[in-house]
Structure formats: C-alpha cells, structure tokens
PDB file of N, CA and C in Angstrom:
ATOM      1  N   MET A   1      33.429-178.065 -10.914  1.00  0.00           N
ATOM      2  CA  MET A   1      34.375-177.647  -9.913  1.00  0.00           C
ATOM      3  C   MET A   1      33.878-178.149  -8.555  1.00  0.00           C
ATOM      4  N   LYS A   2      34.734-178.841  -7.871  1.00  0.00           N
ATOM      5  CA  LYS A   2      34.397-179.405  -6.570  1.00  0.00           C
ATOM      6  C   LYS A   2      34.644-178.365  -5.470  1.00  0.00           C
ATOM      7  N   ALA A   3      33.937-178.512  -4.364  1.00  0.00           N
ATOM      8  CA  ALA A   3      34.072-177.578  -3.250  1.00  0.00           C
ATOM      9  C   ALA A   3      35.487-177.608  -2.679  1.00  0.00           C
ATOM     10  N   GLY A   4      36.117-178.769  -2.658  1.00  0.00           N
ATOM     11  CA  GLY A   4      37.480-178.881  -2.155  1.00  0.00           C
ATOM     12  C   GLY A   4      38.465-178.071  -2.976  1.00  0.00           C
ATOM     13  N   GLN A   5      38.267-178.079  -4.283  1.00  0.00           N
ATOM     14  CA  GLN A   5      39.128-177.288  -5.167  1.00  0.00           C
ATOM     15  C   GLN A   5      38.928-175.803  -4.913  1.00  0.00           C
ATOM     16  N   VAL A   6      37.692-175.401  -4.704  1.00  0.00           N
ATOM     17  CA  VAL A   6      37.389-173.990  -4.484  1.00  0.00           C
ATOM     18  C   VAL A   6      37.960-173.523  -3.156  1.00  0.00           C
ATOM     19  N   ARG A   7      37.890-174.369  -2.135  1.00  0.00           N
ATOM     20  CA  ARG A   7      38.406-173.989  -0.814  1.00  0.00           C
ATOM     21  C   ARG A   7      39.922-173.779  -0.823  1.00  0.00           C
ATOM     22  N   GLU A   8      40.628-174.437  -1.727  1.00  0.00           N
ATOM     23  CA  GLU A   8      42.082-174.293  -1.810  1.00  0.00           C
ATOM     24  C   GLU A   8      42.500-172.992  -2.496  1.00  0.00           C
ATOM     25  N   MET A   9      41.576-172.324  -3.161  1.00  0.00           N
ATOM     26  CA  MET A   9      41.899-171.104  -3.900  1.00  0.00           C
ATOM     27  C   MET A   9      42.058-169.909  -2.966  1.00  0.00           C
ATOM     28  N   THR A  10      42.873-168.966  -3.409  1.00  0.00           N
ATOM     29  CA  THR A  10      43.026-167.707  -2.685  1.00  0.00           C
ATOM     30  C   THR A  10      41.870-166.791  -3.061  1.00  0.00           C
ATOM     31  N   PRO A  11      41.644-165.730  -2.298  1.00  0.00           N
ATOM     32  CA  PRO A  11      40.559-164.799  -2.646  1.00  0.00           C
ATOM     33  C   PRO A  11      40.696-164.208  -4.059  1.00  0.00           C
ATOM     34  N   ASP A  12      41.919-163.930  -4.490  1.00  0.00           N
ATOM     35  CA  ASP A  12      42.121-163.407  -5.845  1.00  0.00           C
ATOM     36  C   ASP A  12      41.749-164.442  -6.901  1.00  0.00           C
ATOM     37  N   GLN A  13      42.117-165.676  -6.644  1.00  0.00           N
ATOM     38  CA  GLN A  13      41.772-166.741  -7.580  1.00  0.00           C
ATOM     39  C   GLN A  13      40.261-166.945  -7.625  1.00  0.00           C
ATOM     40  N   LEU A  14      39.606-166.806  -6.486  1.00  0.00           N
ATOM     41  CA  LEU A  14      38.150-166.931  -6.452  1.00  0.00           C
ATOM     42  C   LEU A  14      37.495-165.836  -7.282  1.00  0.00           C
ATOM     43  N   ASP A  15      38.004-164.617  -7.160  1.00  0.00           N
ATOM     44  CA  ASP A  15      37.460-163.506  -7.952  1.00  0.00           C
ATOM     45  C   ASP A  15      37.648-163.746  -9.444  1.00  0.00           C
ATOM     46  N   ASP A  16      38.834-164.222  -9.823  1.00  0.00           N
ATOM     47  CA  ASP A  16      39.107-164.508 -11.233  1.00  0.00           C
ATOM     48  C   ASP A  16      38.199-165.609 -11.763  1.00  0.00           C
ATOM     49  N   ALA A  17      38.023-166.655 -10.975  1.00  0.00           N
ATOM     50  CA  ALA A  17      37.164-167.761 -11.393  1.00  0.00           C
ATOM     51  C   ALA A  17      35.717-167.298 -11.513  1.00  0.00           C
ATOM     52  N   LEU A  18      35.292-166.426 -10.618  1.00  0.00           N
ATOM     53  CA  LEU A  18      33.929-165.913 -10.664  1.00  0.00           C
ATOM     54  C   LEU A  18      33.696-165.091 -11.927  1.00  0.00           C
ATOM     55  N   VAL A  19      34.649-164.252 -12.272  1.00  0.00           N
ATOM     56  CA  VAL A  19      34.532-163.446 -13.496  1.00  0.00           C
ATOM     57  C   VAL A  19      34.466-164.350 -14.723  1.00  0.00           C
ATOM     58  N   LYS A  20      35.318-165.360 -14.745  1.00  0.00           N
ATOM     59  CA  LYS A  20      35.344-166.295 -15.873  1.00  0.00           C
ATOM     60  C   LYS A  20      34.004-167.027 -16.020  1.00  0.00           C
ATOM     61  N   LEU A  21      33.453-167.480 -14.895  1.00  0.00           N
ATOM     62  CA  LEU A  21      32.179-168.194 -14.932  1.00  0.00           C
ATOM     63  C   LEU A  21      31.029-167.278 -15.326  1.00  0.00           C
ATOM     64  N   LYS A  22      31.065-166.034 -14.880  1.00  0.00           N
ATOM     65  CA  LYS A  22      30.018-165.078 -15.256  1.00  0.00           C
ATOM     66  C   LYS A  22      30.038-164.833 -16.767  1.00  0.00           C
ATOM     67  N   LYS A  23      31.237-164.734 -17.351  1.00  0.00           N
ATOM     68  CA  LYS A  23      31.346-164.549 -18.796  1.00  0.00           C
ATOM     69  C   LYS A  23      30.806-165.763 -19.540  1.00  0.00           C
ATOM     70  N   GLU A  24      31.148-166.943 -19.039  1.00  0.00           N
ATOM     71  CA  GLU A  24      30.655-168.159 -19.674  1.00  0.00           C
ATOM     72  C   GLU A  24      29.132-168.261 -19.546  1.00  0.00           C
ATOM     73  N   GLN A  25      28.611-167.864 -18.397  1.00  0.00           N
ATOM     74  CA  GLN A  25      27.163-167.881 -18.203  1.00  0.00           C
ATOM     75  C   GLN A  25      26.478-166.934 -19.192  1.00  0.00           C
ATOM     76  N   PHE A  26      27.057-165.764 -19.392  1.00  0.00           N
ATOM     77  CA  PHE A  26      26.504-164.814 -20.357  1.00  0.00           C
ATOM     78  C   PHE A  26      26.497-165.407 -21.754  1.00  0.00           C
ATOM     79  N   ASN A  27      27.610-166.028 -22.145  1.00  0.00           N
ATOM     80  CA  ASN A  27      27.699-166.637 -23.469  1.00  0.00           C
ATOM     81  C   ASN A  27      26.688-167.767 -23.637  1.00  0.00           C
ATOM     82  N   LEU A  28      26.499-168.559 -22.601  1.00  0.00           N
ATOM     83  CA  LEU A  28      25.527-169.650 -22.669  1.00  0.00           C
ATOM     84  C   LEU A  28      24.106-169.116 -22.785  1.00  0.00           C
ATOM     85  N   ARG A  29      23.804-168.044 -22.053  1.00  0.00           N
ATOM     86  CA  ARG A  29      22.468-167.438 -22.162  1.00  0.00           C
ATOM     87  C   ARG A  29      22.241-166.896 -23.567  1.00  0.00           C
ATOM     88  N   PHE A  30      23.268-166.315 -24.141  1.00  0.00           N
ATOM     89  CA  PHE A  30      23.176-165.782 -25.502  1.00  0.00           C
ATOM     90  C   PHE A  30      22.944-166.911 -26.498  1.00  0.00           C
ATOM     91  N   GLN A  31      23.662-168.014 -26.336  1.00  0.00           N
ATOM     92  CA  GLN A  31      23.484-169.171 -27.216  1.00  0.00           C
ATOM     93  C   GLN A  31      22.082-169.754 -27.066  1.00  0.00           C
ATOM     94  N   ALA A  32      21.584-169.809 -25.848  1.00  0.00           N
ATOM     95  CA  ALA A  32      20.244-170.354 -25.610  1.00  0.00           C
ATOM     96  C   ALA A  32      19.182-169.480 -26.274  1.00  0.00           C
ATOM     97  N   ALA A  33      19.360-168.174 -26.200  1.00  0.00           N
ATOM     98  CA  ALA A  33      18.386-167.261 -26.794  1.00  0.00           C
ATOM     99  C   ALA A  33      18.380-167.354 -28.314  1.00  0.00           C
ATOM    100  N   SER A  34      19.533-167.635 -28.890  1.00  0.00           N
ATOM    101  CA  SER A  34      19.614-167.723 -30.351  1.00  0.00           C
ATOM    102  C   SER A  34      19.395-169.144 -30.856  1.00  0.00           C
ATOM    103  N   GLY A  35      19.171-170.087 -29.947  1.00  0.00           N
ATOM    104  CA  GLY A  35      18.887-171.460 -30.348  1.00  0.00           C
ATOM    105  C   GLY A  35      20.111-172.276 -30.725  1.00  0.00           C
ATOM    106  N   GLN A  36      21.287-171.850 -30.316  1.00  0.00           N
ATOM    107  CA  GLN A  36      22.526-172.547 -30.672  1.00  0.00           C
ATOM    108  C   GLN A  36      23.123-173.352 -29.523  1.00  0.00           C
ATOM    109  N   LEU A  37      22.463-173.367 -28.387  1.00  0.00           N
ATOM    110  CA  LEU A  37      23.001-174.060 -27.222  1.00  0.00           C
ATOM    111  C   LEU A  37      22.838-175.569 -27.383  1.00  0.00           C
ATOM    112  N   GLU A  38      23.959-176.287 -27.283  1.00  0.00           N
ATOM    113  CA  GLU A  38      23.934-177.738 -27.445  1.00  0.00           C
ATOM    114  C   GLU A  38      23.873-178.459 -26.099  1.00  0.00           C
ATOM    115  N   ASN A  39      24.674-178.006 -25.146  1.00  0.00           N
ATOM    116  CA  ASN A  39      24.746-178.667 -23.842  1.00  0.00           C
ATOM    117  C   ASN A  39      23.962-177.843 -22.823  1.00  0.00           C
ATOM    118  N   THR A  40      22.698-178.152 -22.671  1.00  0.00           N
ATOM    119  CA  THR A  40      21.858-177.374 -21.760  1.00  0.00           C
ATOM    120  C   THR A  40      22.211-177.621 -20.295  1.00  0.00           C
ATOM    121  N   ALA A  41      22.800-178.747 -19.999  1.00  0.00           N
ATOM    122  CA  ALA A  41      23.179-179.059 -18.623  1.00  0.00           C
ATOM    123  C   ALA A  41      24.304-178.147 -18.138  1.00  0.00           C
ATOM    124  N   ARG A  42      25.078-177.609 -19.055  1.00  0.00           N
ATOM    125  CA  ARG A  42      26.194-176.733 -18.682  1.00  0.00           C
ATOM    126  C   ARG A  42      25.691-175.465 -17.991  1.00  0.00           C
ATOM    127  N   VAL A  43      24.518-174.996 -18.374  1.00  0.00           N
ATOM    128  CA  VAL A  43      23.940-173.798 -17.749  1.00  0.00           C
ATOM    129  C   VAL A  43      23.756-174.038 -16.256  1.00  0.00           C
ATOM    130  N   ARG A  44      23.235-175.195 -15.912  1.00  0.00           N
ATOM    131  CA  ARG A  44      23.009-175.547 -14.511  1.00  0.00           C
ATOM    132  C   ARG A  44      24.328-175.694 -13.756  1.00  0.00           C
ATOM    133  N   GLN A  45      25.327-176.298 -14.392  1.00  0.00           N
ATOM    134  CA  GLN A  45      26.633-176.469 -13.762  1.00  0.00           C
ATOM    135  C   GLN A  45      27.263-175.116 -13.452  1.00  0.00           C
ATOM    136  N   ILE A  46      27.201-174.212 -14.412  1.00  0.00           N
ATOM    137  CA  ILE A  46      27.796-172.886 -14.236  1.00  0.00           C
ATOM    138  C   ILE A  46      27.106-172.154 -13.086  1.00  0.00           C
ATOM    139  N   LYS A  47      25.784-172.233 -13.060  1.00  0.00           N
ATOM    140  CA  LYS A  47      25.010-171.564 -12.020  1.00  0.00           C
ATOM    141  C   LYS A  47      25.408-172.076 -10.635  1.00  0.00           C
ATOM    142  N   ARG A  48      25.561-173.365 -10.512  1.00  0.00           N
ATOM    143  CA  ARG A  48      25.946-173.958  -9.227  1.00  0.00           C
ATOM    144  C   ARG A  48      27.386-173.624  -8.852  1.00  0.00           C
ATOM    145  N   ASP A  49      28.281-173.603  -9.841  1.00  0.00           N
ATOM    146  CA  ASP A  49      29.673-173.244  -9.565  1.00  0.00           C
ATOM    147  C   ASP A  49      29.779-171.804  -9.072  1.00  0.00           C
ATOM    148  N   ILE A  50      28.993-170.906  -9.685  1.00  0.00           N
ATOM    149  CA  ILE A  50      28.994-169.509  -9.250  1.00  0.00           C
ATOM    150  C   ILE A  50      28.526-169.420  -7.802  1.00  0.00           C
ATOM    151  N   ALA A  51      27.458-170.114  -7.483  1.00  0.00           N
ATOM    152  CA  ALA A  51      26.943-170.107  -6.113  1.00  0.00           C
ATOM    153  C   ALA A  51      27.959-170.693  -5.145  1.00  0.00           C
ATOM    154  N   ARG A  52      28.632-171.756  -5.546  1.00  0.00           N
ATOM    155  CA  ARG A  52      29.631-172.401  -4.691  1.00  0.00           C
ATOM    156  C   ARG A  52      30.790-171.441  -4.410  1.00  0.00           C
ATOM    157  N   ILE A  53      31.254-170.752  -5.437  1.00  0.00           N
ATOM    158  CA  ILE A  53      32.372-169.816  -5.268  1.00  0.00           C
ATOM    159  C   ILE A  53      31.961-168.660  -4.371  1.00  0.00           C
ATOM    160  N   LYS A  54      30.767-168.121  -4.584  1.00  0.00           N
ATOM    161  CA  LYS A  54      30.311-167.010  -3.749  1.00  0.00           C
ATOM    162  C   LYS A  54      30.174-167.431  -2.291  1.00  0.00           C
ATOM    163  N   THR A  55      29.666-168.631  -2.051  1.00  0.00           N
ATOM    164  CA  THR A  55      29.485-169.126  -0.694  1.00  0.00           C
ATOM    165  C   THR A  55      30.819-169.283   0.015  1.00  0.00           C
ATOM    166  N   ILE A  56      31.764-169.909  -0.646  1.00  0.00           N
ATOM    167  CA  ILE A  56      33.065-170.156  -0.022  1.00  0.00           C
ATOM    168  C   ILE A  56      33.831-168.850   0.158  1.00  0.00           C
ATOM    169  N   ALA A  57      33.713-167.927  -0.787  1.00  0.00           N
ATOM    170  CA  ALA A  57      34.362-166.622  -0.641  1.00  0.00           C
ATOM    171  C   ALA A  57      33.803-165.889   0.568  1.00  0.00           C
ATOM    172  N   ARG A  58      32.505-165.975   0.769  1.00  0.00           N
ATOM    173  CA  ARG A  58      31.869-165.336   1.926  1.00  0.00           C
ATOM    174  C   ARG A  58      32.336-165.986   3.226  1.00  0.00           C
ATOM    175  N   GLN A  59      32.425-167.311   3.237  1.00  0.00           N
ATOM    176  CA  GLN A  59      32.891-168.015   4.426  1.00  0.00           C
ATOM    177  C   GLN A  59      34.321-167.596   4.773  1.00  0.00           C
ATOM    178  N   LYS A  60      35.150-167.455   3.752  1.00  0.00           N
ATOM    179  CA  LYS A  60      36.540-167.053   3.995  1.00  0.00           C
ATOM    180  C   LYS A  60      36.621-165.631   4.510  1.00  0.00           C
ATOM    181  N   SER A  61      35.791-164.734   3.983  1.00  0.00           N
ATOM    182  CA  SER A  61      35.830-163.336   4.445  1.00  0.00           C
ATOM    183  C   SER A  61      35.342-163.234   5.887  1.00  0.00           C
ATOM    184  N   VAL A  62      34.331-164.001   6.250  1.00  0.00           N
ATOM    185  CA  VAL A  62      33.838-164.000   7.634  1.00  0.00           C
ATOM    186  C   VAL A  62      34.890-164.579   8.571  1.00  0.00           C
ATOM    187  N   ALA A  63      35.558-165.631   8.139  1.00  0.00           N
ATOM    188  CA  ALA A  63      36.593-166.251   8.958  1.00  0.00           C
ATOM    189  C   ALA A  63      37.770-165.283   9.151  1.00  0.00           C
ATOM    190  N   ALA A  64      38.076-164.497   8.131  1.00  0.00           N
ATOM    191  CA  ALA A  64      39.177-163.550   8.246  1.00  0.00           C
ATOM    192  C   ALA A  64      38.839-162.433   9.226  1.00  0.00           C
ATOM    193  N   VAL A  65      37.586-162.024   9.256  1.00  0.00           N
ATOM    194  CA  VAL A  65      37.158-160.957  10.167  1.00  0.00           C
ATOM    195  C   VAL A  65      37.189-161.453  11.620  1.00  0.00           C
ATOM    196  N   LYS A  66      36.778-162.701  11.823  1.00  0.00           N
ATOM    197  CA  LYS A  66      36.754-163.263  13.176  1.00  0.00           C
ATOM    198  C   LYS A  66      38.163-163.479  13.735  1.00  0.00           C
ATOM    199  N   SER A  67      39.128-163.690  12.863  1.00  0.00           N
ATOM    200  CA  SER A  67      40.499-163.971  13.325  1.00  0.00           C
ATOM    201  C   SER A  67      41.202-162.750  13.833  1.00  0.00           C
TER     202      SER A  67
END
C-alpha cells in the first residue's frame, strides 16, 4: 500500500484497513510459529503498512484539530 493511496482514504476507511492488517499480521505470526509461513517478506510489508496507516491517521487528526 502506497502512502498516496492511504492519504486518499477517509478516517473510517483507515480504521477498517488497520483492523484488516492487524488480523493478517496475527495470522502471519501464527503461521510463522507453526512453521507454515511461506512468504516471510509479507510480515515486514504488513508491519510497515500498519505504521504508515497509523502515521497518516495521526497527521489527519492533528490537521483536523488545527482547522
């Protein structure tokens, strides 16, 4: 997920995407613990996407307060 795509999302969409990514992260951690994880790079992608969404959501909330 690119930062430009995330910036176009509404706060509700950001929350939904965050929940979805958290669930996927949980599933990937479970697969890794049981030795069934095939794409280890996906763990890193998910982690970065979560951070990106949280950062942009925070920026939007601060911008809304300042306005």
